[in-house]
Amino acid sequence: MAQGRGNANRGLEVGLAILCVLALAQTAFSATYTVGGSSGWTYNAINWPRGKTFRAGDVLVFKYNRSLHNVVKVSGTGYNACTTGGARAYQTGQDVFKLTRGTHYFICSLPGHCKSNMKIAVKVY
């Protein structure tokens, strides 16, 4: 009987090893995107995600002048209405977000900025 348990443990070890390799592979293949490209996080950013394919594990970096802008991760409703719903405003000028599956919405919450299309919606696969 001890031999049977040893084989079961070996299967568990192999399964865990495979999971570790898959987790490392996802990290190795993730991409880092600077939102807005060389212009950074600024007005009319709304079209920046167009044509890009985002995957779980990818990273968005928002680079901006922190005395002029901020970044707030909001709901779809907040995105459409340009409201934060009480969500936290990030203000470092170098804010980083690791993406998970689903759609993520970001706005600048300073008066008039979101209405000037300083917002993005990112669909992640």
N, C-alpha and C. Protein backbone atom coordinates (compact mmCIF):
# COMPACT_ATOMS: atom_id res chain seq x y z
N MET A 1 0.81 -1.20 0.00
CA MET A 1 0.00 0.00 0.00
C MET A 1 0.85 1.26 0.00
N ALA A 2 1.96 1.26 0.67
CA ALA A 2 2.82 2.44 0.71
C ALA A 2 3.25 2.83 -0.69
N GLN A 3 3.44 1.84 -1.55
CA GLN A 3 3.87 2.13 -2.91
C GLN A 3 2.79 2.92 -3.65
N GLY A 4 1.53 2.59 -3.46
CA GLY A 4 0.43 3.30 -4.11
C GLY A 4 0.38 4.76 -3.69
N ARG A 5 0.59 5.04 -2.39
CA ARG A 5 0.59 6.42 -1.92
C ARG A 5 1.76 7.21 -2.51
N GLY A 6 2.89 6.56 -2.66
CA GLY A 6 4.05 7.21 -3.25
C GLY A 6 3.75 7.66 -4.67
N ASN A 7 3.05 6.84 -5.42
CA ASN A 7 2.69 7.21 -6.79
C ASN A 7 1.70 8.38 -6.79
N ALA A 8 0.78 8.39 -5.84
CA ALA A 8 -0.18 9.50 -5.75
C ALA A 8 0.55 10.80 -5.42
N ASN A 9 1.50 10.72 -4.50
CA ASN A 9 2.27 11.91 -4.14
C ASN A 9 3.10 12.40 -5.33
N ARG A 10 3.64 11.47 -6.10
CA ARG A 10 4.43 11.83 -7.28
C ARG A 10 3.54 12.58 -8.27
N GLY A 11 2.32 12.13 -8.45
CA GLY A 11 1.38 12.81 -9.34
C GLY A 11 1.07 14.22 -8.88
N LEU A 12 0.91 14.37 -7.57
CA LEU A 12 0.66 15.69 -7.00
C LEU A 12 1.86 16.61 -7.22
N GLU A 13 3.06 16.09 -7.02
CA GLU A 13 4.27 16.88 -7.22
C GLU A 13 4.40 17.33 -8.67
N VAL A 14 4.11 16.43 -9.59
CA VAL A 14 4.20 16.76 -11.02
C VAL A 14 3.14 17.82 -11.36
N GLY A 15 1.94 17.66 -10.84
CA GLY A 15 0.88 18.64 -11.08
C GLY A 15 1.25 20.02 -10.57
N LEU A 16 1.82 20.08 -9.37
CA LEU A 16 2.24 21.36 -8.81
C LEU A 16 3.37 21.98 -9.63
N ALA A 17 4.27 21.16 -10.09
CA ALA A 17 5.37 21.65 -10.92
C ALA A 17 4.83 22.27 -12.22
N ILE A 18 3.84 21.63 -12.82
CA ILE A 18 3.25 22.15 -14.06
C ILE A 18 2.56 23.49 -13.79
N LEU A 19 1.84 23.57 -12.68
CA LEU A 19 1.18 24.84 -12.34
C LEU A 19 2.19 25.97 -12.14
N CYS A 20 3.31 25.65 -11.50
CA CYS A 20 4.36 26.66 -11.30
C CYS A 20 4.92 27.14 -12.63
N VAL A 21 5.16 26.23 -13.54
CA VAL A 21 5.69 26.58 -14.86
C VAL A 21 4.70 27.46 -15.61
N LEU A 22 3.41 27.12 -15.54
CA LEU A 22 2.39 27.92 -16.22
C LEU A 22 2.31 29.32 -15.63
N ALA A 23 2.40 29.44 -14.32
CA ALA A 23 2.36 30.75 -13.67
C ALA A 23 3.56 31.60 -14.10
N LEU A 24 4.73 30.99 -14.16
CA LEU A 24 5.92 31.72 -14.60
C LEU A 24 5.81 32.11 -16.06
N ALA A 25 5.24 31.24 -16.88
CA ALA A 25 5.10 31.54 -18.30
C ALA A 25 4.19 32.73 -18.51
N GLN A 26 3.09 32.82 -17.73
CA GLN A 26 2.20 33.97 -17.88
C GLN A 26 2.94 35.26 -17.56
N THR A 27 3.72 35.26 -16.50
CA THR A 27 4.48 36.44 -16.13
C THR A 27 5.52 36.77 -17.20
N ALA A 28 6.17 35.75 -17.74
CA ALA A 28 7.21 35.97 -18.74
C ALA A 28 6.64 36.56 -20.03
N PHE A 29 5.39 36.24 -20.35
CA PHE A 29 4.81 36.70 -21.59
C PHE A 29 3.93 37.93 -21.42
N SER A 30 3.87 38.49 -20.22
CA SER A 30 3.05 39.67 -20.02
C SER A 30 3.76 40.88 -20.64
N ALA A 31 2.94 41.85 -21.01
CA ALA A 31 3.46 43.06 -21.64
C ALA A 31 3.22 44.25 -20.72
N THR A 32 4.09 45.24 -20.84
CA THR A 32 3.93 46.49 -20.10
C THR A 32 3.64 47.60 -21.11
N TYR A 33 2.55 48.31 -20.88
CA TYR A 33 2.12 49.38 -21.77
C TYR A 33 2.17 50.72 -21.04
N THR A 34 2.76 51.72 -21.67
CA THR A 34 2.68 53.08 -21.16
C THR A 34 1.44 53.71 -21.79
N VAL A 35 0.45 54.01 -20.97
CA VAL A 35 -0.81 54.55 -21.46
C VAL A 35 -0.57 55.88 -22.16
N GLY A 36 -1.06 55.96 -23.39
CA GLY A 36 -0.88 57.17 -24.19
C GLY A 36 0.40 57.19 -25.00
N GLY A 37 1.22 56.12 -24.86
CA GLY A 37 2.48 56.06 -25.60
C GLY A 37 3.42 57.17 -25.15
N SER A 38 4.12 57.77 -26.08
CA SER A 38 5.12 58.79 -25.73
C SER A 38 4.48 60.07 -25.17
N SER A 39 3.20 60.29 -25.46
CA SER A 39 2.50 61.46 -24.91
C SER A 39 2.10 61.26 -23.46
N GLY A 40 2.03 60.02 -23.03
CA GLY A 40 1.62 59.72 -21.67
C GLY A 40 0.13 59.89 -21.46
N TRP A 41 -0.28 59.88 -20.21
CA TRP A 41 -1.68 60.00 -19.80
C TRP A 41 -2.09 61.46 -19.90
N THR A 42 -2.91 61.77 -20.91
CA THR A 42 -3.30 63.15 -21.16
C THR A 42 -4.65 63.19 -21.85
N TYR A 43 -5.07 64.37 -22.28
CA TYR A 43 -6.36 64.54 -22.95
C TYR A 43 -6.43 63.70 -24.22
N ASN A 44 -7.64 63.33 -24.61
CA ASN A 44 -7.91 62.54 -25.81
C ASN A 44 -7.23 61.18 -25.81
N ALA A 45 -7.05 60.60 -24.64
CA ALA A 45 -6.46 59.26 -24.52
C ALA A 45 -7.44 58.16 -24.87
N ILE A 46 -8.70 58.50 -25.04
CA ILE A 46 -9.78 57.53 -25.20
C ILE A 46 -9.51 56.50 -26.30
N ASN A 47 -8.83 56.88 -27.36
CA ASN A 47 -8.58 55.95 -28.48
C ASN A 47 -7.28 55.16 -28.33
N TRP A 48 -6.48 55.44 -27.33
CA TRP A 48 -5.19 54.77 -27.19
C TRP A 48 -5.30 53.24 -27.15
N PRO A 49 -6.28 52.64 -26.48
CA PRO A 49 -6.33 51.16 -26.45
C PRO A 49 -6.70 50.52 -27.79
N ARG A 50 -7.25 51.27 -28.70
CA ARG A 50 -7.72 50.72 -29.98
C ARG A 50 -6.61 50.01 -30.72
N GLY A 51 -6.89 48.77 -31.16
CA GLY A 51 -5.93 47.98 -31.93
C GLY A 51 -4.96 47.18 -31.08
N LYS A 52 -5.05 47.32 -29.76
CA LYS A 52 -4.16 46.57 -28.87
C LYS A 52 -4.93 45.40 -28.26
N THR A 53 -4.24 44.29 -28.04
CA THR A 53 -4.84 43.14 -27.37
C THR A 53 -4.20 43.00 -26.00
N PHE A 54 -5.00 43.16 -24.97
CA PHE A 54 -4.52 43.09 -23.60
C PHE A 54 -4.85 41.72 -23.02
N ARG A 55 -3.91 41.16 -22.29
CA ARG A 55 -4.08 39.84 -21.68
C ARG A 55 -3.91 39.96 -20.16
N ALA A 56 -4.53 39.03 -19.45
CA ALA A 56 -4.37 38.98 -18.00
C ALA A 56 -2.88 38.91 -17.68
N GLY A 57 -2.45 39.71 -16.73
CA GLY A 57 -1.03 39.77 -16.37
C GLY A 57 -0.31 40.95 -16.98
N ASP A 58 -0.87 41.53 -18.04
CA ASP A 58 -0.26 42.73 -18.63
C ASP A 58 -0.33 43.87 -17.62
N VAL A 59 0.53 44.85 -17.83
CA VAL A 59 0.64 45.97 -16.89
C VAL A 59 0.44 47.28 -17.64
N LEU A 60 -0.37 48.16 -17.05
CA LEU A 60 -0.53 49.52 -17.57
C LEU A 60 0.24 50.48 -16.67
N VAL A 61 1.02 51.36 -17.28
CA VAL A 61 1.74 52.39 -16.54
C VAL A 61 1.19 53.74 -17.00
N PHE A 62 0.69 54.50 -16.06
CA PHE A 62 0.17 55.84 -16.34
C PHE A 62 1.25 56.85 -15.95
N LYS A 63 1.82 57.51 -16.95
CA LYS A 63 2.85 58.54 -16.71
C LYS A 63 2.24 59.90 -17.02
N TYR A 64 2.36 60.83 -16.05
CA TYR A 64 1.74 62.14 -16.21
C TYR A 64 2.32 63.10 -15.18
N ASN A 65 2.07 64.38 -15.39
CA ASN A 65 2.46 65.41 -14.44
C ASN A 65 1.45 65.37 -13.29
N ARG A 66 1.89 64.98 -12.12
CA ARG A 66 0.97 64.77 -11.00
C ARG A 66 0.36 66.06 -10.46
N SER A 67 0.90 67.19 -10.83
CA SER A 67 0.26 68.44 -10.42
C SER A 67 -0.87 68.83 -11.37
N LEU A 68 -0.99 68.12 -12.51
CA LEU A 68 -2.02 68.44 -13.49
C LEU A 68 -3.11 67.38 -13.64
N HIS A 69 -2.79 66.11 -13.29
CA HIS A 69 -3.72 65.02 -13.54
C HIS A 69 -3.71 64.00 -12.40
N ASN A 70 -4.59 63.01 -12.52
CA ASN A 70 -4.59 61.85 -11.64
C ASN A 70 -5.16 60.67 -12.43
N VAL A 71 -5.26 59.52 -11.79
CA VAL A 71 -5.86 58.33 -12.41
C VAL A 71 -6.80 57.72 -11.38
N VAL A 72 -8.01 57.39 -11.84
CA VAL A 72 -8.97 56.71 -10.98
C VAL A 72 -9.51 55.52 -11.75
N LYS A 73 -9.45 54.33 -11.11
CA LYS A 73 -10.04 53.13 -11.70
C LYS A 73 -11.50 53.12 -11.28
N VAL A 74 -12.40 53.16 -12.25
CA VAL A 74 -13.83 53.31 -11.98
C VAL A 74 -14.62 52.17 -12.60
N SER A 75 -15.91 52.14 -12.31
CA SER A 75 -16.83 51.18 -12.92
C SER A 75 -17.20 51.67 -14.32
N GLY A 76 -17.90 50.83 -15.07
CA GLY A 76 -18.39 51.25 -16.39
C GLY A 76 -19.32 52.44 -16.29
N THR A 77 -20.15 52.46 -15.26
CA THR A 77 -21.06 53.59 -15.04
C THR A 77 -20.26 54.86 -14.76
N GLY A 78 -19.25 54.76 -13.91
CA GLY A 78 -18.40 55.90 -13.61
C GLY A 78 -17.67 56.41 -14.85
N TYR A 79 -17.24 55.47 -15.67
CA TYR A 79 -16.56 55.82 -16.93
C TYR A 79 -17.48 56.64 -17.83
N ASN A 80 -18.70 56.13 -18.02
CA ASN A 80 -19.64 56.82 -18.92
C ASN A 80 -20.08 58.17 -18.37
N ALA A 81 -20.23 58.28 -17.05
CA ALA A 81 -20.70 59.52 -16.43
C ALA A 81 -19.56 60.43 -16.00
N CYS A 82 -18.32 59.97 -16.12
CA CYS A 82 -17.15 60.73 -15.64
C CYS A 82 -17.28 61.04 -14.16
N THR A 83 -17.63 60.02 -13.38
CA THR A 83 -17.71 60.15 -11.92
C THR A 83 -16.90 59.03 -11.28
N THR A 84 -16.38 59.29 -10.09
CA THR A 84 -15.52 58.30 -9.44
C THR A 84 -16.27 57.32 -8.55
N GLY A 85 -17.45 57.67 -8.10
CA GLY A 85 -18.17 56.79 -7.19
C GLY A 85 -17.40 56.56 -5.90
N GLY A 86 -16.54 57.49 -5.54
CA GLY A 86 -15.76 57.35 -4.31
C GLY A 86 -14.49 56.52 -4.46
N ALA A 87 -14.16 56.10 -5.68
CA ALA A 87 -12.95 55.30 -5.90
C ALA A 87 -11.70 56.14 -5.62
N ARG A 88 -10.64 55.46 -5.26
CA ARG A 88 -9.37 56.11 -4.93
C ARG A 88 -8.73 56.79 -6.15
N ALA A 89 -8.24 57.99 -5.93
CA ALA A 89 -7.49 58.70 -6.97
C ALA A 89 -6.00 58.44 -6.74
N TYR A 90 -5.32 57.97 -7.77
CA TYR A 90 -3.87 57.77 -7.74
C TYR A 90 -3.23 59.04 -8.27
N GLN A 91 -2.13 59.47 -7.63
CA GLN A 91 -1.56 60.77 -7.99
C GLN A 91 -0.03 60.77 -7.97
N THR A 92 0.58 59.63 -8.27
CA THR A 92 2.05 59.59 -8.19
C THR A 92 2.74 60.09 -9.45
N GLY A 93 2.01 60.08 -10.57
CA GLY A 93 2.62 60.43 -11.85
C GLY A 93 3.27 59.23 -12.53
N GLN A 94 3.25 58.08 -11.85
CA GLN A 94 3.82 56.81 -12.37
C GLN A 94 2.99 55.65 -11.83
N ASP A 95 1.69 55.69 -12.01
CA ASP A 95 0.81 54.67 -11.43
C ASP A 95 0.79 53.41 -12.28
N VAL A 96 0.83 52.25 -11.59
CA VAL A 96 0.95 50.96 -12.26
C VAL A 96 -0.23 50.08 -11.88
N PHE A 97 -0.85 49.45 -12.88
CA PHE A 97 -1.98 48.56 -12.67
C PHE A 97 -1.73 47.24 -13.40
N LYS A 98 -1.79 46.13 -12.67
CA LYS A 98 -1.69 44.80 -13.29
C LYS A 98 -3.10 44.37 -13.66
N LEU A 99 -3.28 43.96 -14.91
CA LEU A 99 -4.60 43.66 -15.43
C LEU A 99 -5.04 42.22 -15.18
N THR A 100 -6.32 42.07 -14.90
CA THR A 100 -6.98 40.77 -14.82
C THR A 100 -8.02 40.73 -15.92
N ARG A 101 -8.59 39.55 -16.16
CA ARG A 101 -9.61 39.44 -17.20
C ARG A 101 -10.80 40.34 -16.91
N GLY A 102 -11.41 40.82 -17.98
CA GLY A 102 -12.57 41.70 -17.86
C GLY A 102 -12.27 43.04 -18.48
N THR A 103 -13.15 43.98 -18.26
CA THR A 103 -12.96 45.33 -18.78
C THR A 103 -12.62 46.25 -17.63
N HIS A 104 -11.59 47.05 -17.81
CA HIS A 104 -11.11 47.98 -16.80
C HIS A 104 -11.29 49.40 -17.34
N TYR A 105 -11.76 50.28 -16.45
CA TYR A 105 -12.05 51.66 -16.83
C TYR A 105 -11.21 52.61 -15.98
N PHE A 106 -10.60 53.60 -16.63
CA PHE A 106 -9.77 54.57 -15.95
C PHE A 106 -10.15 55.98 -16.43
N ILE A 107 -10.18 56.92 -15.49
CA ILE A 107 -10.45 58.32 -15.84
C ILE A 107 -9.50 59.23 -15.07
N CYS A 108 -9.41 60.46 -15.51
CA CYS A 108 -8.81 61.53 -14.70
C CYS A 108 -10.00 62.23 -14.07
N SER A 109 -9.98 62.38 -12.75
CA SER A 109 -11.14 62.92 -12.06
C SER A 109 -11.12 64.44 -11.87
N LEU A 110 -10.09 65.11 -12.35
CA LEU A 110 -10.05 66.56 -12.20
C LEU A 110 -11.11 67.19 -13.10
N PRO A 111 -11.70 68.30 -12.67
CA PRO A 111 -12.82 68.90 -13.41
C PRO A 111 -12.53 69.11 -14.89
N GLY A 112 -13.42 68.55 -15.72
CA GLY A 112 -13.35 68.71 -17.17
C GLY A 112 -12.42 67.75 -17.89
N HIS A 113 -11.53 67.08 -17.20
CA HIS A 113 -10.55 66.22 -17.87
C HIS A 113 -11.20 64.99 -18.50
N CYS A 114 -12.02 64.28 -17.74
CA CYS A 114 -12.69 63.09 -18.29
C CYS A 114 -13.59 63.49 -19.46
N LYS A 115 -14.28 64.61 -19.31
CA LYS A 115 -15.16 65.09 -20.40
C LYS A 115 -14.35 65.46 -21.64
N SER A 116 -13.04 65.70 -21.46
CA SER A 116 -12.14 65.97 -22.59
C SER A 116 -11.48 64.68 -23.05
N ASN A 117 -12.14 63.56 -22.78
CA ASN A 117 -11.71 62.21 -23.19
C ASN A 117 -10.41 61.75 -22.56
N MET A 118 -10.14 62.22 -21.36
CA MET A 118 -9.00 61.70 -20.61
C MET A 118 -9.53 60.51 -19.81
N LYS A 119 -9.82 59.45 -20.59
CA LYS A 119 -10.36 58.22 -20.03
C LYS A 119 -10.10 57.10 -21.02
N ILE A 120 -9.95 55.90 -20.48
CA ILE A 120 -9.77 54.71 -21.35
C ILE A 120 -10.56 53.55 -20.78
N ALA A 121 -11.00 52.68 -21.68
CA ALA A 121 -11.61 51.40 -21.34
C ALA A 121 -10.73 50.33 -21.96
N VAL A 122 -10.30 49.36 -21.16
CA VAL A 122 -9.38 48.33 -21.62
C VAL A 122 -10.02 46.96 -21.40
N LYS A 123 -10.25 46.26 -22.51
CA LYS A 123 -10.81 44.89 -22.42
C LYS A 123 -9.65 43.93 -22.36
N VAL A 124 -9.66 43.05 -21.35
CA VAL A 124 -8.55 42.13 -21.10
C VAL A 124 -9.02 40.69 -21.27
N TYR A 125 -8.26 39.91 -22.04
CA TYR A 125 -8.59 38.51 -22.31
C TYR A 125 -7.77 37.58 -21.45
